Structures are given as structure tokens and as C-alpha cells.
Amino acid sequence: MNVPCFWIEPTGQYVQFLRVFSTEHDCPAAAGAYCDARVFVGIVPEGGDHVTRMHDVAEYRDPRWPKACDRCGRAFHVKRSQRQLFHQREMRVVRAMPGAARAHQGEGAAIAGAMWDASWYGQNYQGPDGLHLMVMLPNGNEWLIDGRANNCTMRDDHEHRCWVRHGEPPNVTVDKRGKTCAAGAGSIQSGSYHGFLRAGALVE
């Protein structure tokens, strides 16, 4: 299955959610992840209060809080789950490959094929164009293309790239042509997904 990619950028606003999650066990519908759910609250402009806050048990009576995991449907335990007023930067689609999906709601809720600049990762994980290229995989995991592979063989060298990318987002190809290490063959293995990024599409 091929998933066409699309490039997203901030709109200058933040999306607010009421979020409930539980780390006491893995979610049966998402290997390696925990149960999580969100309910949309509203939009706030940039420059406002975007702090993600934890809420105490006294506030759990608000009927808007999610009651079960979005992925598996398991009910949250009132006292053992955690609650947040959660903020995500709102994004808009700027460029898209033919056939790419358009629905999107914040970088953390991106759908497969979404690409964005994860600028908070800093200089060590910056590509030659100044971007910190992140892409959402079909299984919901994020791949920092300019990051470090788990099996990197040159961990003390910050000039090489474990994945070498070519092209302008979203029309990007990732391979091992360039200054790189001996890790892999340019593919990404993340949880249940294993594939390549070629000519602006995730190829399983």
C-alpha cells in the first residue's frame, strides 16, 4: 500500500482538547502505546495560555471528559487515569502529492502521510534545509527522518544522517545516498510498520 504525503504548517492558533490517558497497561489496539482519548474544546490564538495542565480528581465530574479509550474502547478508571487540558498547534495543508488525504487536526493527531517541521528537536536533528522533517506513518507512529536510527553505527558523529533525504517536502525520497552510517537500507521500522519513503509516498 502506498500513502501519498502532504506538507503542513502552523496556522497561528492552538486546538484545545480535554484528554484522558492511562499508563497502567498497554492499549490492546495499539502495540507499545497506552489508552488515550481526547474531546475537542475549542481554538485559542497564538500568544495565549497554551500550557498543558493536569487536573485533579475533584474536576473529574465534568461530563465532557472522555470515558473510554479512542482506540480500543476500554473504560478509564476514574482515579487511576490522568486528565489534561491539552493543546496542539493547529496546522494547515500547504502542499500535497496527488491523492494525498487532506483531513488534519494538529500535529499530534496527524493522519498518515502528514509531514511537518518538528523544530523543537534542535540543531543535531536538523536537515540541510533547516527543517527537522517529521512524517506520520500509517500505524500512527511518528518518524523523525532527520533523527537518529536505533541501530545507528556512528552515534558520536552529528554530521552524518542515518536516513538521507532528497527533494522538497512533501515530494521526498529517503535512502542511503550521502554521508550516512551502516544502519539499515534507508527504510523505517517503527512498531508494526516497515516501509520506505519514495517520491513523496510511504511505500510498505
N, C-alpha and C. Protein backbone atom coordinates (compact mmCIF):
# COMPACT_ATOMS: atom_id res chain seq x y z
N MET A 1 0.84 -1.20 0.00
CA MET A 1 0.00 0.00 0.00
C MET A 1 0.88 1.25 0.00
N ASN A 2 0.59 2.20 -0.89
CA ASN A 2 1.30 3.47 -0.95
C ASN A 2 0.44 4.58 -0.33
N VAL A 3 1.07 5.43 0.49
CA VAL A 3 0.37 6.55 1.13
C VAL A 3 1.01 7.85 0.67
N PRO A 4 0.35 8.65 -0.19
CA PRO A 4 0.92 9.94 -0.63
C PRO A 4 1.05 10.89 0.56
N CYS A 5 2.09 11.73 0.52
CA CYS A 5 2.39 12.64 1.63
C CYS A 5 1.89 14.06 1.34
N PHE A 6 1.76 14.85 2.41
CA PHE A 6 1.37 16.26 2.28
C PHE A 6 2.07 17.07 3.37
N TRP A 7 2.40 18.32 3.03
CA TRP A 7 3.17 19.21 3.90
C TRP A 7 2.22 20.13 4.65
N ILE A 8 2.40 20.23 5.98
CA ILE A 8 1.53 21.06 6.81
C ILE A 8 2.35 22.09 7.57
N GLU A 9 1.73 23.26 7.82
CA GLU A 9 2.38 24.35 8.54
C GLU A 9 1.43 24.95 9.56
N PRO A 10 1.96 25.62 10.61
CA PRO A 10 1.09 26.20 11.65
C PRO A 10 0.19 27.31 11.12
N THR A 11 -1.02 27.42 11.67
CA THR A 11 -1.95 28.48 11.31
C THR A 11 -1.82 29.69 12.22
N GLY A 12 -1.10 29.55 13.35
CA GLY A 12 -1.02 30.62 14.35
C GLY A 12 -2.05 30.46 15.45
N GLN A 13 -2.74 29.32 15.47
CA GLN A 13 -3.72 29.04 16.51
C GLN A 13 -3.43 27.69 17.14
N TYR A 14 -4.05 27.46 18.31
CA TYR A 14 -3.92 26.19 19.01
C TYR A 14 -5.29 25.54 19.19
N VAL A 15 -5.32 24.22 19.07
CA VAL A 15 -6.53 23.45 19.32
C VAL A 15 -6.48 22.94 20.75
N GLN A 16 -7.60 23.11 21.50
CA GLN A 16 -7.69 22.64 22.87
C GLN A 16 -8.52 21.35 22.93
N PHE A 17 -8.03 20.41 23.76
CA PHE A 17 -8.75 19.16 23.99
C PHE A 17 -8.81 18.89 25.49
N LEU A 18 -9.85 18.19 25.92
CA LEU A 18 -9.83 17.51 27.20
C LEU A 18 -9.30 16.11 26.91
N ARG A 19 -8.18 15.76 27.55
CA ARG A 19 -7.51 14.50 27.26
C ARG A 19 -7.48 13.61 28.50
N VAL A 20 -7.79 12.34 28.32
CA VAL A 20 -7.66 11.34 29.38
C VAL A 20 -6.76 10.23 28.86
N PHE A 21 -5.81 9.79 29.69
CA PHE A 21 -4.96 8.67 29.31
C PHE A 21 -4.61 7.84 30.53
N SER A 22 -4.22 6.60 30.28
CA SER A 22 -3.87 5.69 31.37
C SER A 22 -2.63 4.90 30.97
N THR A 23 -1.61 4.95 31.82
CA THR A 23 -0.34 4.25 31.53
C THR A 23 -0.20 2.96 32.33
N GLU A 24 -1.27 2.50 32.96
CA GLU A 24 -1.16 1.31 33.81
C GLU A 24 -1.10 0.03 32.99
N HIS A 25 -1.45 0.08 31.70
CA HIS A 25 -1.35 -1.09 30.84
C HIS A 25 -1.29 -0.62 29.39
N ASP A 26 -0.80 -1.50 28.50
CA ASP A 26 -0.75 -1.18 27.08
C ASP A 26 -2.16 -1.25 26.48
N CYS A 27 -2.38 -0.43 25.47
CA CYS A 27 -3.65 -0.47 24.75
C CYS A 27 -3.66 -1.69 23.84
N PRO A 28 -4.67 -2.56 23.93
CA PRO A 28 -4.69 -3.76 23.07
C PRO A 28 -4.84 -3.45 21.58
N ALA A 29 -5.24 -2.22 21.25
CA ALA A 29 -5.42 -1.86 19.84
C ALA A 29 -4.21 -1.14 19.25
N ALA A 30 -3.19 -0.87 20.06
CA ALA A 30 -2.00 -0.14 19.58
C ALA A 30 -0.78 -0.64 20.33
N ALA A 31 -0.03 -1.53 19.71
CA ALA A 31 1.12 -2.14 20.36
C ALA A 31 2.13 -1.09 20.82
N GLY A 32 2.54 -1.17 22.08
CA GLY A 32 3.53 -0.26 22.61
C GLY A 32 2.99 1.08 23.05
N ALA A 33 1.69 1.31 22.89
CA ALA A 33 1.08 2.58 23.29
C ALA A 33 0.10 2.32 24.45
N TYR A 34 -0.32 3.41 25.11
CA TYR A 34 -1.28 3.28 26.20
C TYR A 34 -2.64 3.83 25.77
N CYS A 35 -3.65 3.55 26.57
CA CYS A 35 -5.00 4.01 26.25
C CYS A 35 -5.07 5.53 26.34
N ASP A 36 -5.75 6.15 25.38
CA ASP A 36 -5.74 7.60 25.24
C ASP A 36 -7.04 8.04 24.56
N ALA A 37 -7.58 9.18 24.97
CA ALA A 37 -8.78 9.72 24.32
C ALA A 37 -8.80 11.23 24.47
N ARG A 38 -9.40 11.92 23.50
CA ARG A 38 -9.48 13.39 23.52
C ARG A 38 -10.85 13.85 23.06
N VAL A 39 -11.30 14.97 23.60
CA VAL A 39 -12.53 15.62 23.19
C VAL A 39 -12.20 17.07 22.87
N PHE A 40 -12.60 17.52 21.68
CA PHE A 40 -12.33 18.89 21.25
C PHE A 40 -13.06 19.89 22.15
N VAL A 41 -12.34 20.97 22.55
CA VAL A 41 -12.91 22.01 23.40
C VAL A 41 -13.05 23.32 22.62
N GLY A 42 -11.99 23.74 21.92
CA GLY A 42 -12.06 25.00 21.20
C GLY A 42 -10.74 25.37 20.57
N ILE A 43 -10.69 26.58 20.00
CA ILE A 43 -9.49 27.12 19.34
C ILE A 43 -9.06 28.37 20.10
N VAL A 44 -7.76 28.50 20.37
CA VAL A 44 -7.24 29.70 21.02
C VAL A 44 -6.11 30.27 20.17
N PRO A 45 -5.94 31.60 20.12
CA PRO A 45 -4.90 32.21 19.29
C PRO A 45 -3.51 32.02 19.88
N GLU A 46 -2.52 32.08 19.03
CA GLU A 46 -1.13 32.03 19.49
C GLU A 46 -0.87 33.24 20.38
N GLY A 47 -0.05 33.03 21.41
CA GLY A 47 0.23 34.11 22.35
C GLY A 47 -0.59 34.00 23.62
N GLY A 48 -1.57 33.10 23.63
CA GLY A 48 -2.38 32.89 24.83
C GLY A 48 -1.76 31.85 25.74
N ASP A 49 -2.59 31.27 26.60
CA ASP A 49 -2.13 30.27 27.55
C ASP A 49 -2.22 28.90 26.90
N HIS A 50 -1.05 28.32 26.55
CA HIS A 50 -1.02 27.04 25.88
C HIS A 50 -0.40 25.95 26.75
N VAL A 51 -0.38 26.19 28.05
CA VAL A 51 0.23 25.20 28.95
C VAL A 51 -0.71 24.01 29.08
N THR A 52 -0.17 22.80 28.89
CA THR A 52 -0.94 21.59 29.10
C THR A 52 -0.98 21.31 30.59
N ARG A 53 -2.16 21.31 31.17
CA ARG A 53 -2.30 21.22 32.62
C ARG A 53 -2.92 19.88 33.03
N MET A 54 -2.42 19.34 34.14
CA MET A 54 -3.04 18.18 34.75
C MET A 54 -4.21 18.64 35.62
N HIS A 55 -5.22 17.79 35.76
CA HIS A 55 -6.40 18.12 36.55
C HIS A 55 -6.56 17.11 37.68
N ASP A 56 -7.01 17.61 38.84
CA ASP A 56 -7.15 16.71 39.98
C ASP A 56 -8.51 16.02 39.97
N VAL A 57 -8.67 15.08 40.91
CA VAL A 57 -9.85 14.23 40.93
C VAL A 57 -11.14 15.04 41.08
N ALA A 58 -11.09 16.16 41.78
CA ALA A 58 -12.30 16.96 42.01
C ALA A 58 -12.92 17.46 40.71
N GLU A 59 -12.11 17.58 39.65
CA GLU A 59 -12.61 18.09 38.39
C GLU A 59 -13.10 16.98 37.46
N TYR A 60 -13.03 15.73 37.89
CA TYR A 60 -13.40 14.61 37.03
C TYR A 60 -14.90 14.55 36.76
N ARG A 61 -15.70 15.31 37.52
CA ARG A 61 -17.15 15.24 37.37
C ARG A 61 -17.64 15.94 36.09
N ASP A 62 -16.79 16.72 35.45
CA ASP A 62 -17.17 17.39 34.20
C ASP A 62 -17.59 16.33 33.18
N PRO A 63 -18.80 16.37 32.67
CA PRO A 63 -19.29 15.31 31.78
C PRO A 63 -18.59 15.26 30.42
N ARG A 64 -17.81 16.29 30.10
CA ARG A 64 -17.15 16.30 28.79
C ARG A 64 -15.92 15.40 28.74
N TRP A 65 -15.36 15.01 29.89
CA TRP A 65 -14.15 14.17 29.87
C TRP A 65 -14.44 12.86 29.14
N PRO A 66 -13.51 12.39 28.27
CA PRO A 66 -13.71 11.08 27.64
C PRO A 66 -13.80 9.98 28.70
N LYS A 67 -14.63 9.00 28.44
CA LYS A 67 -14.85 7.91 29.40
C LYS A 67 -14.17 6.61 29.00
N ALA A 68 -13.72 6.54 27.72
CA ALA A 68 -13.10 5.31 27.24
C ALA A 68 -12.05 5.63 26.18
N CYS A 69 -11.13 4.72 25.98
CA CYS A 69 -10.03 4.88 25.02
C CYS A 69 -10.58 5.02 23.60
N ASP A 70 -10.03 5.98 22.84
CA ASP A 70 -10.44 6.17 21.45
C ASP A 70 -10.08 4.98 20.57
N ARG A 71 -9.01 4.25 20.95
CA ARG A 71 -8.52 3.16 20.10
C ARG A 71 -9.26 1.84 20.37
N CYS A 72 -9.32 1.44 21.64
CA CYS A 72 -9.83 0.11 21.97
C CYS A 72 -11.19 0.10 22.66
N GLY A 73 -11.64 1.27 23.15
CA GLY A 73 -12.93 1.35 23.81
C GLY A 73 -12.92 0.96 25.28
N ARG A 74 -11.76 0.63 25.84
CA ARG A 74 -11.68 0.26 27.25
C ARG A 74 -12.00 1.46 28.13
N ALA A 75 -12.85 1.28 29.13
CA ALA A 75 -13.24 2.36 30.02
C ALA A 75 -12.08 2.78 30.91
N PHE A 76 -11.97 4.09 31.15
CA PHE A 76 -10.93 4.62 32.04
C PHE A 76 -11.37 4.47 33.49
N HIS A 77 -10.43 4.08 34.35
CA HIS A 77 -10.67 4.08 35.79
C HIS A 77 -10.55 5.51 36.29
N VAL A 78 -11.55 6.00 37.02
CA VAL A 78 -11.60 7.41 37.40
C VAL A 78 -10.36 7.86 38.14
N LYS A 79 -9.90 7.09 39.11
CA LYS A 79 -8.79 7.55 39.96
C LYS A 79 -7.43 7.12 39.44
N ARG A 80 -7.36 6.15 38.54
CA ARG A 80 -6.06 5.69 38.05
C ARG A 80 -5.71 6.26 36.68
N SER A 81 -6.62 6.97 36.05
CA SER A 81 -6.32 7.62 34.78
C SER A 81 -5.91 9.07 35.04
N GLN A 82 -5.30 9.70 34.03
CA GLN A 82 -4.82 11.08 34.15
C GLN A 82 -5.55 11.97 33.16
N ARG A 83 -5.76 13.22 33.56
CA ARG A 83 -6.53 14.16 32.76
C ARG A 83 -5.74 15.44 32.50
N GLN A 84 -5.88 15.96 31.29
CA GLN A 84 -5.18 17.19 30.91
C GLN A 84 -6.09 18.10 30.10
N LEU A 85 -5.90 19.42 30.26
CA LEU A 85 -6.35 20.36 29.25
C LEU A 85 -5.19 20.45 28.28
N PHE A 86 -5.35 19.84 27.11
CA PHE A 86 -4.25 19.56 26.19
C PHE A 86 -4.30 20.52 25.01
N HIS A 87 -3.13 21.02 24.61
CA HIS A 87 -3.04 21.96 23.48
C HIS A 87 -2.20 21.38 22.36
N GLN A 88 -2.64 21.59 21.13
CA GLN A 88 -1.86 21.25 19.95
C GLN A 88 -1.90 22.41 18.98
N ARG A 89 -0.76 22.65 18.35
CA ARG A 89 -0.72 23.71 17.33
C ARG A 89 -1.58 23.29 16.14
N GLU A 90 -2.47 24.16 15.72
CA GLU A 90 -3.32 23.88 14.56
C GLU A 90 -2.48 24.02 13.29
N MET A 91 -2.66 23.10 12.36
CA MET A 91 -1.88 23.08 11.14
C MET A 91 -2.80 23.15 9.92
N ARG A 92 -2.23 23.59 8.79
CA ARG A 92 -2.98 23.62 7.54
C ARG A 92 -2.14 22.96 6.45
N VAL A 93 -2.81 22.36 5.49
CA VAL A 93 -2.12 21.73 4.36
C VAL A 93 -1.65 22.80 3.39
N VAL A 94 -0.36 22.78 3.08
CA VAL A 94 0.23 23.77 2.18
C VAL A 94 0.50 23.16 0.81
N ARG A 95 1.10 21.99 0.78
CA ARG A 95 1.39 21.30 -0.48
C ARG A 95 1.06 19.82 -0.28
N ALA A 96 0.57 19.19 -1.34
CA ALA A 96 0.20 17.78 -1.23
C ALA A 96 0.55 17.04 -2.51
N MET A 97 0.96 15.80 -2.35
CA MET A 97 1.17 14.93 -3.50
C MET A 97 -0.20 14.49 -4.03
N PRO A 98 -0.31 14.16 -5.32
CA PRO A 98 -1.60 13.72 -5.87
C PRO A 98 -2.17 12.55 -5.08
N GLY A 99 -3.43 12.66 -4.71
CA GLY A 99 -4.10 11.59 -3.98
C GLY A 99 -3.92 11.63 -2.48
N ALA A 100 -3.20 12.64 -1.97
CA ALA A 100 -2.97 12.71 -0.53
C ALA A 100 -4.25 13.10 0.19
N ALA A 101 -4.43 12.55 1.39
CA ALA A 101 -5.57 12.91 2.23
C ALA A 101 -5.40 14.34 2.72
N ARG A 102 -6.51 15.02 3.03
CA ARG A 102 -6.44 16.42 3.42
C ARG A 102 -6.86 16.65 4.87
N ALA A 103 -7.58 15.72 5.48
CA ALA A 103 -8.06 15.95 6.85
C ALA A 103 -6.89 16.04 7.81
N HIS A 104 -6.96 16.99 8.75
CA HIS A 104 -5.86 17.18 9.69
C HIS A 104 -6.33 17.99 10.88
N GLN A 105 -5.77 17.67 12.06
CA GLN A 105 -6.14 18.42 13.25
C GLN A 105 -4.98 18.39 14.24
N GLY A 106 -4.01 19.27 14.05
CA GLY A 106 -2.88 19.34 14.98
C GLY A 106 -1.84 18.28 14.68
N GLU A 107 -0.54 18.60 14.93
CA GLU A 107 0.50 17.66 14.53
C GLU A 107 0.42 16.34 15.25
N GLY A 108 -0.04 16.33 16.50
CA GLY A 108 -0.13 15.08 17.24
C GLY A 108 -1.27 14.20 16.80
N ALA A 109 -2.20 14.75 16.06
CA ALA A 109 -3.34 13.97 15.57
C ALA A 109 -3.30 13.85 14.06
N ALA A 110 -2.12 14.02 13.48
CA ALA A 110 -1.98 13.98 12.03
C ALA A 110 -2.34 12.61 11.49
N ILE A 111 -2.82 12.57 10.27
CA ILE A 111 -3.11 11.29 9.63
C ILE A 111 -1.90 10.88 8.80
N ALA A 112 -1.93 9.63 8.35
CA ALA A 112 -0.79 9.06 7.63
C ALA A 112 -0.41 9.92 6.43
N GLY A 113 0.89 10.16 6.28
CA GLY A 113 1.41 10.94 5.17
C GLY A 113 1.67 12.39 5.51
N ALA A 114 1.17 12.88 6.65
CA ALA A 114 1.42 14.28 7.04
C ALA A 114 2.91 14.48 7.33
N MET A 115 3.44 15.61 6.85
CA MET A 115 4.84 16.00 7.10
C MET A 115 4.85 17.38 7.72
N TRP A 116 5.74 17.58 8.69
CA TRP A 116 5.87 18.91 9.29
C TRP A 116 7.27 19.10 9.86
N ASP A 117 7.58 20.35 10.22
CA ASP A 117 8.87 20.71 10.78
C ASP A 117 8.79 20.60 12.30
N ALA A 118 9.44 19.59 12.87
CA ALA A 118 9.48 19.39 14.32
C ALA A 118 10.65 20.19 14.89
N SER A 119 10.53 21.51 14.84
CA SER A 119 11.66 22.42 15.11
C SER A 119 12.20 22.31 16.53
N TRP A 120 11.41 21.78 17.47
CA TRP A 120 11.84 21.69 18.86
C TRP A 120 12.95 20.66 19.08
N TYR A 121 13.30 19.88 18.06
CA TYR A 121 14.33 18.86 18.23
C TYR A 121 15.75 19.43 18.22
N GLY A 122 15.95 20.66 17.76
CA GLY A 122 17.25 21.31 17.87
C GLY A 122 18.20 20.99 16.73
N GLN A 123 19.39 21.57 16.82
CA GLN A 123 20.35 21.59 15.71
C GLN A 123 20.85 20.20 15.31
N ASN A 124 21.01 19.28 16.26
CA ASN A 124 21.55 17.97 15.93
C ASN A 124 20.63 17.15 15.04
N TYR A 125 19.36 17.49 15.02
CA TYR A 125 18.39 16.74 14.21
C TYR A 125 17.79 17.63 13.14
N GLN A 126 18.64 18.44 12.54
CA GLN A 126 18.22 19.40 11.52
C GLN A 126 18.78 18.99 10.17
N GLY A 127 17.92 19.00 9.15
CA GLY A 127 18.37 18.65 7.82
C GLY A 127 19.09 19.79 7.13
N PRO A 128 19.63 19.58 5.94
CA PRO A 128 20.40 20.61 5.24
C PRO A 128 19.57 21.84 4.87
N ASP A 129 18.24 21.71 4.82
CA ASP A 129 17.37 22.85 4.51
C ASP A 129 16.87 23.56 5.76
N GLY A 130 17.38 23.16 6.93
CA GLY A 130 16.97 23.78 8.19
C GLY A 130 15.75 23.15 8.83
N LEU A 131 15.10 22.21 8.13
CA LEU A 131 13.91 21.55 8.67
C LEU A 131 14.31 20.35 9.54
N HIS A 132 13.41 19.99 10.45
CA HIS A 132 13.51 18.77 11.25
C HIS A 132 12.33 17.92 10.78
N LEU A 133 12.53 17.18 9.71
CA LEU A 133 11.41 16.60 8.98
C LEU A 133 10.79 15.41 9.71
N MET A 134 9.51 15.56 10.04
CA MET A 134 8.73 14.50 10.70
C MET A 134 7.63 14.06 9.74
N VAL A 135 7.34 12.75 9.74
CA VAL A 135 6.25 12.24 8.92
C VAL A 135 5.44 11.25 9.75
N MET A 136 4.11 11.28 9.59
CA MET A 136 3.23 10.36 10.28
C MET A 136 3.10 9.08 9.48
N LEU A 137 3.39 7.95 10.11
CA LEU A 137 3.33 6.64 9.45
C LEU A 137 1.91 6.08 9.49
N PRO A 138 1.61 5.10 8.65
CA PRO A 138 0.26 4.54 8.61
C PRO A 138 -0.20 3.91 9.91
N ASN A 139 0.72 3.51 10.80
CA ASN A 139 0.31 2.90 12.07
C ASN A 139 0.17 3.92 13.19
N GLY A 140 0.28 5.24 12.86
CA GLY A 140 0.12 6.28 13.87
C GLY A 140 1.40 6.67 14.57
N ASN A 141 2.53 6.05 14.24
CA ASN A 141 3.81 6.44 14.82
C ASN A 141 4.44 7.56 14.00
N GLU A 142 5.23 8.40 14.68
CA GLU A 142 5.93 9.50 14.02
C GLU A 142 7.36 9.09 13.69
N TRP A 143 7.83 9.47 12.51
CA TRP A 143 9.20 9.19 12.09
C TRP A 143 9.92 10.51 11.89
N LEU A 144 10.93 10.76 12.73
CA LEU A 144 11.79 11.93 12.57
C LEU A 144 12.90 11.54 11.59
N ILE A 145 12.71 11.90 10.34
CA ILE A 145 13.64 11.49 9.28
C ILE A 145 15.04 12.02 9.54
N ASP A 146 15.14 13.22 10.11
CA ASP A 146 16.45 13.81 10.40
C ASP A 146 16.98 13.37 11.77
N GLY A 147 16.33 12.40 12.38
CA GLY A 147 16.75 11.91 13.70
C GLY A 147 17.76 10.79 13.59
N ARG A 148 17.89 10.06 14.69
CA ARG A 148 18.90 9.01 14.81
C ARG A 148 18.22 7.64 14.82
N ALA A 149 18.68 6.71 13.99
CA ALA A 149 18.14 5.35 13.99
C ALA A 149 18.58 4.62 15.26
N ASN A 150 17.74 3.72 15.73
CA ASN A 150 18.08 2.95 16.94
C ASN A 150 19.35 2.13 16.75
N ASN A 151 19.61 1.69 15.53
CA ASN A 151 20.78 0.87 15.25
C ASN A 151 21.90 1.65 14.58
N CYS A 152 21.94 2.97 14.80
CA CYS A 152 23.00 3.81 14.22
C CYS A 152 24.37 3.29 14.60
N THR A 153 25.31 3.28 13.64
CA THR A 153 26.68 2.81 13.89
C THR A 153 27.68 3.95 14.04
N MET A 154 27.19 5.22 14.03
CA MET A 154 28.07 6.40 14.15
C MET A 154 27.46 7.39 15.15
N ARG A 155 27.16 6.93 16.35
CA ARG A 155 26.41 7.73 17.32
C ARG A 155 27.11 9.01 17.76
N ASP A 156 28.43 9.06 17.68
CA ASP A 156 29.17 10.26 18.10
C ASP A 156 29.36 11.26 16.96
N ASP A 157 28.90 10.91 15.77
CA ASP A 157 29.05 11.78 14.61
C ASP A 157 27.71 12.46 14.33
N HIS A 158 27.67 13.79 14.45
CA HIS A 158 26.42 14.53 14.24
C HIS A 158 26.31 15.13 12.83
N GLU A 159 27.29 14.85 11.98
CA GLU A 159 27.23 15.37 10.61
C GLU A 159 26.53 14.39 9.67
N HIS A 160 26.66 13.11 9.92
CA HIS A 160 26.04 12.12 9.03
C HIS A 160 24.53 12.06 9.29
N ARG A 161 23.80 11.42 8.40
CA ARG A 161 22.38 11.19 8.56
C ARG A 161 22.11 9.69 8.40
N CYS A 162 21.39 9.11 9.36
CA CYS A 162 21.02 7.70 9.26
C CYS A 162 20.10 7.48 8.07
N TRP A 163 19.22 8.45 7.83
CA TRP A 163 18.37 8.46 6.64
C TRP A 163 18.71 9.72 5.85
N VAL A 164 19.07 9.57 4.59
CA VAL A 164 19.42 10.71 3.75
C VAL A 164 18.20 11.04 2.88
N ARG A 165 17.73 12.28 2.99
CA ARG A 165 16.54 12.66 2.23
C ARG A 165 16.89 13.58 1.06
N HIS A 166 16.09 13.49 0.00
CA HIS A 166 16.28 14.28 -1.21
C HIS A 166 14.92 14.85 -1.62
N GLY A 167 14.92 16.08 -2.13
CA GLY A 167 13.69 16.69 -2.61
C GLY A 167 13.11 17.66 -1.61
N GLU A 168 12.06 18.37 -2.05
CA GLU A 168 11.37 19.34 -1.21
C GLU A 168 10.07 18.74 -0.70
N PRO A 169 9.82 18.84 0.61
CA PRO A 169 8.57 18.27 1.14
C PRO A 169 7.35 18.85 0.43
N PRO A 170 6.37 18.00 0.11
CA PRO A 170 6.26 16.59 0.50
C PRO A 170 6.87 15.60 -0.49
N ASN A 171 7.44 16.09 -1.59
CA ASN A 171 8.00 15.19 -2.61
C ASN A 171 9.41 14.78 -2.22
N VAL A 172 9.49 13.88 -1.26
CA VAL A 172 10.77 13.50 -0.64
C VAL A 172 11.03 12.02 -0.88
N THR A 173 12.30 11.71 -1.14
CA THR A 173 12.78 10.33 -1.19
C THR A 173 13.85 10.16 -0.12
N VAL A 174 13.81 9.06 0.60
CA VAL A 174 14.79 8.77 1.66
C VAL A 174 15.55 7.51 1.28
N ASP A 175 16.89 7.58 1.34
CA ASP A 175 17.73 6.43 1.03
C ASP A 175 19.03 6.54 1.80
N LYS A 176 20.08 5.90 1.31
CA LYS A 176 21.40 5.94 1.97
C LYS A 176 22.44 6.60 1.08
N ARG A 177 22.01 7.41 0.11
CA ARG A 177 22.95 8.07 -0.80
C ARG A 177 23.40 9.39 -0.19
N GLY A 178 24.59 9.41 0.41
CA GLY A 178 25.11 10.59 1.08
C GLY A 178 25.97 10.17 2.26
N LYS A 179 26.32 11.12 3.11
CA LYS A 179 27.11 10.80 4.30
C LYS A 179 26.20 10.13 5.31
N THR A 180 26.40 8.83 5.49
CA THR A 180 25.49 8.06 6.33
C THR A 180 26.25 6.99 7.09
N CYS A 181 25.52 6.25 7.92
CA CYS A 181 26.10 5.16 8.70
C CYS A 181 25.71 3.83 8.06
N ALA A 182 26.01 2.73 8.74
CA ALA A 182 25.72 1.40 8.19
C ALA A 182 24.36 0.87 8.62
N ALA A 183 23.54 1.71 9.26
CA ALA A 183 22.24 1.25 9.75
C ALA A 183 21.25 1.11 8.61
N GLY A 184 20.71 -0.09 8.43
CA GLY A 184 19.61 -0.31 7.51
C GLY A 184 19.92 -0.01 6.06
N ALA A 185 18.83 0.10 5.27
CA ALA A 185 18.94 0.34 3.84
C ALA A 185 18.08 1.52 3.42
N GLY A 186 17.81 2.42 4.37
CA GLY A 186 17.01 3.59 4.06
C GLY A 186 15.54 3.45 4.38
N SER A 187 15.14 2.29 4.92
CA SER A 187 13.74 2.09 5.29
C SER A 187 13.52 2.51 6.74
N ILE A 188 12.26 2.53 7.17
CA ILE A 188 11.90 2.81 8.56
C ILE A 188 11.13 1.62 9.11
N GLN A 189 11.56 1.13 10.27
CA GLN A 189 10.81 0.10 11.00
C GLN A 189 10.39 0.74 12.30
N SER A 190 9.08 0.92 12.48
CA SER A 190 8.55 1.55 13.69
C SER A 190 7.30 0.81 14.11
N GLY A 191 7.40 0.04 15.17
CA GLY A 191 6.27 -0.77 15.61
C GLY A 191 5.88 -1.76 14.53
N SER A 192 4.60 -1.74 14.15
CA SER A 192 4.09 -2.70 13.17
C SER A 192 4.37 -2.28 11.72
N TYR A 193 4.93 -1.07 11.53
CA TYR A 193 5.12 -0.59 10.16
C TYR A 193 6.57 -0.73 9.72
N HIS A 194 6.76 -1.21 8.50
CA HIS A 194 8.09 -1.27 7.88
C HIS A 194 7.93 -0.85 6.42
N GLY A 195 8.62 0.24 6.05
CA GLY A 195 8.48 0.70 4.67
C GLY A 195 9.50 1.74 4.29
N PHE A 196 9.33 2.32 3.11
CA PHE A 196 10.23 3.33 2.56
C PHE A 196 9.45 4.61 2.28
N LEU A 197 10.17 5.71 2.15
CA LEU A 197 9.59 6.97 1.66
C LEU A 197 10.23 7.23 0.30
N ARG A 198 9.42 7.15 -0.75
CA ARG A 198 9.95 7.28 -2.10
C ARG A 198 9.05 8.19 -2.93
N ALA A 199 9.65 9.23 -3.52
CA ALA A 199 8.92 10.15 -4.41
C ALA A 199 7.63 10.66 -3.78
N GLY A 200 7.72 11.02 -2.49
CA GLY A 200 6.59 11.63 -1.81
C GLY A 200 5.50 10.68 -1.37
N ALA A 201 5.82 9.38 -1.25
CA ALA A 201 4.83 8.40 -0.80
C ALA A 201 5.49 7.39 0.13
N LEU A 202 4.74 7.01 1.17
CA LEU A 202 5.18 5.92 2.05
C LEU A 202 4.83 4.60 1.38
N VAL A 203 5.84 3.78 1.16
CA VAL A 203 5.69 2.53 0.43
C VAL A 203 5.96 1.38 1.37
N GLU A 204 4.93 0.57 1.63
CA GLU A 204 5.08 -0.53 2.59
C GLU A 204 5.96 -1.63 2.05
